[in-house]
Amino acid sequence: MISETYRELSEIAIREFGDIVVKSEILKLPSGVSLKLRLYLVDNTFVDVWISPTGKYSYHWEQSGVRDVVFRHNNAPHERWRHVKTFPKHFHNGSEENAVESNISETKDESEEEVR
């Protein structure tokens, strides 16, 4: 279940990265279904982890309020990034407009480990 995965990742983040992770929370839809895990960092940025039951994912480091940059690995098959060699996987490197190859693993467990 995705909510259990988010709980486990939250515990790992606090345990292994407690020096930079200030707080974690599982954001939910109005229905109560878990949407994503948000990790708040000491530099006033945050990391969102979104995983779907079908294998879609997004690991997103939001820094727009501090440095106006964004970094995100995801596998959403956006037609606009079809030219990227690893499509549908791609990495937004610094901005939404700059998508490049993502060499993150295909499996959920391996990709979670690599993001750490």
N, C-alpha and C. Protein backbone atom coordinates (compact mmCIF):
# COMPACT_ATOMS: atom_id res chain seq x y z
N MET A 1 0.84 -1.18 0.00
CA MET A 1 0.00 0.00 0.00
C MET A 1 0.89 1.25 0.00
N ILE A 2 0.50 2.24 -0.76
CA ILE A 2 1.32 3.44 -0.92
C ILE A 2 1.51 4.20 0.39
N SER A 3 0.46 4.29 1.21
CA SER A 3 0.60 5.03 2.47
C SER A 3 1.65 4.39 3.36
N GLU A 4 1.76 3.08 3.34
CA GLU A 4 2.80 2.39 4.12
C GLU A 4 4.18 2.71 3.57
N THR A 5 4.30 2.75 2.26
CA THR A 5 5.57 3.12 1.63
C THR A 5 5.98 4.52 2.05
N TYR A 6 5.04 5.45 2.04
CA TYR A 6 5.33 6.83 2.47
C TYR A 6 5.76 6.87 3.94
N ARG A 7 5.10 6.08 4.80
CA ARG A 7 5.50 6.04 6.21
C ARG A 7 6.93 5.51 6.37
N GLU A 8 7.23 4.45 5.63
CA GLU A 8 8.58 3.88 5.70
C GLU A 8 9.62 4.88 5.21
N LEU A 9 9.35 5.55 4.10
CA LEU A 9 10.29 6.54 3.57
C LEU A 9 10.45 7.71 4.53
N SER A 10 9.39 8.11 5.18
CA SER A 10 9.46 9.18 6.17
C SER A 10 10.38 8.79 7.31
N GLU A 11 10.22 7.58 7.81
CA GLU A 11 11.08 7.10 8.90
C GLU A 11 12.54 7.04 8.48
N ILE A 12 12.79 6.57 7.27
CA ILE A 12 14.16 6.51 6.75
C ILE A 12 14.75 7.92 6.65
N ALA A 13 13.97 8.85 6.13
CA ALA A 13 14.45 10.23 5.96
C ALA A 13 14.83 10.85 7.30
N ILE A 14 13.97 10.68 8.29
CA ILE A 14 14.26 11.24 9.62
C ILE A 14 15.46 10.55 10.25
N ARG A 15 15.52 9.24 10.12
CA ARG A 15 16.62 8.47 10.73
C ARG A 15 17.97 8.76 10.05
N GLU A 16 18.00 8.71 8.72
CA GLU A 16 19.26 8.83 8.00
C GLU A 16 19.65 10.26 7.66
N PHE A 17 18.68 11.16 7.61
CA PHE A 17 18.96 12.53 7.18
C PHE A 17 18.38 13.54 8.15
N GLY A 18 18.32 13.18 9.43
CA GLY A 18 17.76 14.04 10.45
C GLY A 18 18.48 15.37 10.59
N ASP A 19 19.70 15.44 10.11
CA ASP A 19 20.44 16.71 10.19
C ASP A 19 19.92 17.72 9.16
N ILE A 20 19.22 17.28 8.12
CA ILE A 20 18.69 18.22 7.13
C ILE A 20 17.17 18.15 6.97
N VAL A 21 16.54 17.06 7.41
CA VAL A 21 15.09 16.94 7.32
C VAL A 21 14.48 17.47 8.62
N VAL A 22 13.74 18.56 8.52
CA VAL A 22 13.14 19.20 9.68
C VAL A 22 11.84 18.51 10.07
N LYS A 23 11.06 18.12 9.06
CA LYS A 23 9.73 17.57 9.30
C LYS A 23 9.31 16.77 8.08
N SER A 24 8.46 15.80 8.29
CA SER A 24 7.88 15.07 7.16
C SER A 24 6.38 14.96 7.38
N GLU A 25 5.64 14.93 6.28
CA GLU A 25 4.21 14.72 6.39
C GLU A 25 3.69 14.03 5.13
N ILE A 26 2.67 13.23 5.31
CA ILE A 26 2.01 12.59 4.18
C ILE A 26 0.82 13.47 3.83
N LEU A 27 0.86 14.05 2.64
CA LEU A 27 -0.23 14.90 2.17
C LEU A 27 -1.33 14.00 1.62
N LYS A 28 -2.57 14.36 1.91
CA LYS A 28 -3.70 13.51 1.53
C LYS A 28 -4.72 14.28 0.71
N LEU A 29 -5.44 13.53 -0.10
CA LEU A 29 -6.57 14.08 -0.84
C LEU A 29 -7.72 14.31 0.13
N PRO A 30 -8.72 15.12 -0.24
CA PRO A 30 -9.87 15.32 0.65
C PRO A 30 -10.54 14.00 1.06
N SER A 31 -10.42 12.99 0.23
CA SER A 31 -11.00 11.67 0.54
C SER A 31 -10.23 10.92 1.61
N GLY A 32 -9.04 11.42 1.95
CA GLY A 32 -8.20 10.75 2.94
C GLY A 32 -7.15 9.85 2.34
N VAL A 33 -7.17 9.68 1.02
CA VAL A 33 -6.18 8.85 0.33
C VAL A 33 -4.83 9.57 0.32
N SER A 34 -3.76 8.85 0.62
CA SER A 34 -2.42 9.44 0.62
C SER A 34 -2.03 9.87 -0.78
N LEU A 35 -1.58 11.11 -0.91
CA LEU A 35 -1.19 11.66 -2.21
C LEU A 35 0.32 11.59 -2.42
N LYS A 36 1.08 12.11 -1.43
CA LYS A 36 2.54 12.12 -1.56
C LYS A 36 3.16 12.37 -0.20
N LEU A 37 4.45 12.11 -0.13
CA LEU A 37 5.24 12.38 1.06
C LEU A 37 5.97 13.69 0.83
N ARG A 38 5.91 14.58 1.80
CA ARG A 38 6.66 15.84 1.72
C ARG A 38 7.67 15.89 2.87
N LEU A 39 8.92 16.16 2.50
CA LEU A 39 10.01 16.30 3.47
C LEU A 39 10.45 17.75 3.48
N TYR A 40 10.35 18.41 4.61
CA TYR A 40 10.76 19.80 4.75
C TYR A 40 12.23 19.83 5.18
N LEU A 41 13.03 20.62 4.49
CA LEU A 41 14.47 20.66 4.75
C LEU A 41 14.88 21.92 5.48
N VAL A 42 16.06 21.88 6.10
CA VAL A 42 16.54 23.00 6.91
C VAL A 42 16.73 24.28 6.11
N ASP A 43 16.90 24.20 4.81
CA ASP A 43 17.13 25.40 4.01
C ASP A 43 15.83 26.00 3.46
N ASN A 44 14.69 25.60 4.05
CA ASN A 44 13.36 26.09 3.65
C ASN A 44 12.93 25.63 2.27
N THR A 45 13.48 24.51 1.80
CA THR A 45 13.01 23.87 0.58
C THR A 45 12.31 22.58 1.01
N PHE A 46 11.72 21.87 0.04
CA PHE A 46 11.10 20.60 0.38
C PHE A 46 11.26 19.61 -0.76
N VAL A 47 11.15 18.34 -0.39
CA VAL A 47 11.20 17.24 -1.35
C VAL A 47 9.85 16.54 -1.30
N ASP A 48 9.24 16.36 -2.47
CA ASP A 48 8.01 15.59 -2.59
C ASP A 48 8.32 14.25 -3.24
N VAL A 49 7.78 13.20 -2.67
CA VAL A 49 7.90 11.86 -3.24
C VAL A 49 6.48 11.40 -3.56
N TRP A 50 6.25 11.09 -4.83
CA TRP A 50 4.95 10.60 -5.27
C TRP A 50 5.16 9.27 -5.98
N ILE A 51 4.41 8.27 -5.55
CA ILE A 51 4.51 6.94 -6.13
C ILE A 51 3.09 6.44 -6.38
N SER A 52 2.86 5.89 -7.56
CA SER A 52 1.53 5.35 -7.86
C SER A 52 1.57 3.83 -7.80
N PRO A 53 0.42 3.22 -7.61
CA PRO A 53 0.36 1.75 -7.60
C PRO A 53 0.75 1.13 -8.95
N THR A 54 0.70 1.93 -10.02
CA THR A 54 1.01 1.41 -11.36
C THR A 54 2.48 1.57 -11.74
N GLY A 55 3.29 2.14 -10.84
CA GLY A 55 4.72 2.27 -11.13
C GLY A 55 5.16 3.64 -11.57
N LYS A 56 4.26 4.58 -11.66
CA LYS A 56 4.66 5.96 -11.97
C LYS A 56 5.28 6.56 -10.71
N TYR A 57 6.17 7.51 -10.90
CA TYR A 57 6.81 8.13 -9.74
C TYR A 57 7.27 9.55 -10.08
N SER A 58 7.52 10.29 -9.03
CA SER A 58 8.13 11.61 -9.14
C SER A 58 8.88 11.88 -7.84
N TYR A 59 10.14 12.24 -7.98
CA TYR A 59 10.98 12.65 -6.85
C TYR A 59 11.35 14.11 -7.14
N HIS A 60 10.78 15.02 -6.39
CA HIS A 60 10.80 16.43 -6.73
C HIS A 60 11.40 17.26 -5.60
N TRP A 61 12.49 17.99 -5.89
CA TRP A 61 13.09 18.89 -4.90
C TRP A 61 12.71 20.30 -5.29
N GLU A 62 11.80 20.88 -4.55
CA GLU A 62 11.26 22.22 -4.83
C GLU A 62 12.07 23.27 -4.10
N GLN A 63 12.67 24.17 -4.86
CA GLN A 63 13.49 25.23 -4.28
C GLN A 63 13.06 26.62 -4.75
N SER A 64 11.92 26.70 -5.42
CA SER A 64 11.53 27.96 -6.07
C SER A 64 11.42 29.13 -5.10
N GLY A 65 11.01 28.89 -3.87
CA GLY A 65 10.90 29.97 -2.91
C GLY A 65 12.23 30.46 -2.38
N VAL A 66 13.30 29.72 -2.63
CA VAL A 66 14.62 30.05 -2.08
C VAL A 66 15.62 30.37 -3.19
N ARG A 67 15.72 29.48 -4.19
CA ARG A 67 16.74 29.64 -5.24
C ARG A 67 16.16 29.65 -6.65
N ASP A 68 14.86 29.57 -6.78
CA ASP A 68 14.19 29.58 -8.08
C ASP A 68 14.69 28.48 -9.01
N VAL A 69 14.91 27.29 -8.46
CA VAL A 69 15.27 26.12 -9.27
C VAL A 69 14.43 24.93 -8.82
N VAL A 70 14.36 23.95 -9.68
CA VAL A 70 13.63 22.72 -9.38
C VAL A 70 14.43 21.54 -9.95
N PHE A 71 14.43 20.46 -9.22
CA PHE A 71 15.05 19.22 -9.68
C PHE A 71 14.02 18.11 -9.49
N ARG A 72 13.76 17.32 -10.57
CA ARG A 72 12.75 16.28 -10.45
C ARG A 72 13.05 15.13 -11.41
N HIS A 73 13.08 13.93 -10.85
CA HIS A 73 13.09 12.70 -11.65
C HIS A 73 11.64 12.25 -11.74
N ASN A 74 11.17 11.91 -12.94
CA ASN A 74 9.86 11.29 -13.06
C ASN A 74 9.77 10.49 -14.34
N ASN A 75 8.72 9.69 -14.42
CA ASN A 75 8.54 8.86 -15.60
C ASN A 75 7.20 9.11 -16.27
N ALA A 76 6.68 10.31 -16.13
CA ALA A 76 5.45 10.68 -16.83
C ALA A 76 5.78 10.81 -18.32
N PRO A 77 5.01 10.14 -19.18
CA PRO A 77 5.35 10.12 -20.61
C PRO A 77 4.90 11.38 -21.36
N HIS A 78 5.39 12.52 -20.93
CA HIS A 78 5.04 13.78 -21.60
C HIS A 78 5.62 13.78 -23.01
N GLU A 79 4.78 13.97 -23.97
CA GLU A 79 5.17 13.96 -25.38
C GLU A 79 6.31 14.94 -25.65
N ARG A 80 6.31 16.04 -24.95
CA ARG A 80 7.32 17.08 -25.18
C ARG A 80 8.74 16.59 -24.89
N TRP A 81 8.89 15.53 -24.08
CA TRP A 81 10.23 15.02 -23.74
C TRP A 81 10.55 13.72 -24.48
N ARG A 82 9.80 13.41 -25.54
CA ARG A 82 10.01 12.18 -26.30
C ARG A 82 11.44 12.08 -26.85
N HIS A 83 12.08 13.19 -27.10
CA HIS A 83 13.44 13.19 -27.65
C HIS A 83 14.50 12.78 -26.62
N VAL A 84 14.15 12.78 -25.35
CA VAL A 84 15.10 12.41 -24.30
C VAL A 84 15.37 10.91 -24.40
N LYS A 85 16.63 10.55 -24.44
CA LYS A 85 17.05 9.17 -24.68
C LYS A 85 16.39 8.16 -23.73
N THR A 86 16.15 8.53 -22.48
CA THR A 86 15.60 7.60 -21.50
C THR A 86 14.07 7.70 -21.38
N PHE A 87 13.43 8.37 -22.32
CA PHE A 87 11.97 8.55 -22.31
C PHE A 87 11.25 7.23 -22.02
N PRO A 88 10.26 7.20 -21.15
CA PRO A 88 9.59 8.35 -20.55
C PRO A 88 10.29 8.93 -19.32
N LYS A 89 11.32 8.21 -18.83
CA LYS A 89 12.07 8.76 -17.68
C LYS A 89 12.79 10.03 -18.13
N HIS A 90 12.78 11.04 -17.26
CA HIS A 90 13.52 12.25 -17.54
C HIS A 90 13.80 12.97 -16.22
N PHE A 91 14.71 13.91 -16.28
CA PHE A 91 15.15 14.65 -15.10
C PHE A 91 15.06 16.13 -15.42
N HIS A 92 14.27 16.85 -14.63
CA HIS A 92 14.19 18.31 -14.77
C HIS A 92 15.39 18.86 -13.99
N ASN A 93 16.35 19.36 -14.72
CA ASN A 93 17.62 19.79 -14.14
C ASN A 93 17.68 21.30 -14.01
N GLY A 94 17.13 21.80 -12.92
CA GLY A 94 17.18 23.23 -12.63
C GLY A 94 15.92 23.99 -12.98
N SER A 95 15.15 23.48 -13.97
CA SER A 95 13.91 24.15 -14.35
C SER A 95 12.96 23.17 -15.00
N GLU A 96 11.71 23.56 -15.09
CA GLU A 96 10.70 22.74 -15.76
C GLU A 96 11.04 22.58 -17.24
N GLU A 97 11.69 23.58 -17.81
CA GLU A 97 11.98 23.59 -19.24
C GLU A 97 13.22 22.78 -19.64
N ASN A 98 14.03 22.39 -18.69
CA ASN A 98 15.27 21.68 -18.98
C ASN A 98 15.17 20.22 -18.55
N ALA A 99 14.65 19.38 -19.43
CA ALA A 99 14.53 17.95 -19.15
C ALA A 99 15.62 17.20 -19.89
N VAL A 100 16.34 16.38 -19.16
CA VAL A 100 17.46 15.61 -19.72
C VAL A 100 17.29 14.14 -19.32
N GLU A 101 18.22 13.31 -19.76
CA GLU A 101 18.18 11.88 -19.43
C GLU A 101 18.15 11.66 -17.93
N SER A 102 17.42 10.64 -17.54
CA SER A 102 17.38 10.21 -16.14
C SER A 102 17.90 8.79 -16.07
N ASN A 103 18.94 8.58 -15.32
CA ASN A 103 19.52 7.25 -15.20
C ASN A 103 19.09 6.55 -13.91
N ILE A 104 18.01 7.03 -13.34
CA ILE A 104 17.48 6.41 -12.13
C ILE A 104 16.93 5.02 -12.49
N SER A 105 16.99 4.10 -11.57
CA SER A 105 16.55 2.73 -11.81
C SER A 105 15.07 2.64 -12.15
N GLU A 106 14.72 1.53 -12.79
CA GLU A 106 13.33 1.29 -13.17
C GLU A 106 12.48 0.83 -11.98
N THR A 107 13.09 0.12 -11.04
CA THR A 107 12.30 -0.43 -9.95
C THR A 107 12.14 0.59 -8.83
N LYS A 108 10.99 0.52 -8.16
CA LYS A 108 10.66 1.45 -7.08
C LYS A 108 11.71 1.41 -5.97
N ASP A 109 12.07 0.21 -5.50
CA ASP A 109 13.01 0.10 -4.39
C ASP A 109 14.39 0.65 -4.75
N GLU A 110 14.87 0.31 -5.94
CA GLU A 110 16.18 0.80 -6.36
C GLU A 110 16.16 2.30 -6.58
N SER A 111 15.11 2.83 -7.19
CA SER A 111 15.06 4.27 -7.43
C SER A 111 14.97 5.04 -6.11
N GLU A 112 14.22 4.52 -5.14
CA GLU A 112 14.14 5.18 -3.83
C GLU A 112 15.53 5.22 -3.19
N GLU A 113 16.26 4.13 -3.29
CA GLU A 113 17.61 4.07 -2.73
C GLU A 113 18.53 5.08 -3.41
N GLU A 114 18.43 5.20 -4.70
CA GLU A 114 19.30 6.13 -5.46
C GLU A 114 18.99 7.59 -5.13
N VAL A 115 17.72 7.89 -4.91
CA VAL A 115 17.35 9.27 -4.59
C VAL A 115 17.93 9.67 -3.24
N ARG A 116 18.04 8.71 -2.33
CA ARG A 116 18.64 8.99 -1.03
C ARG A 116 20.05 9.43 -1.22
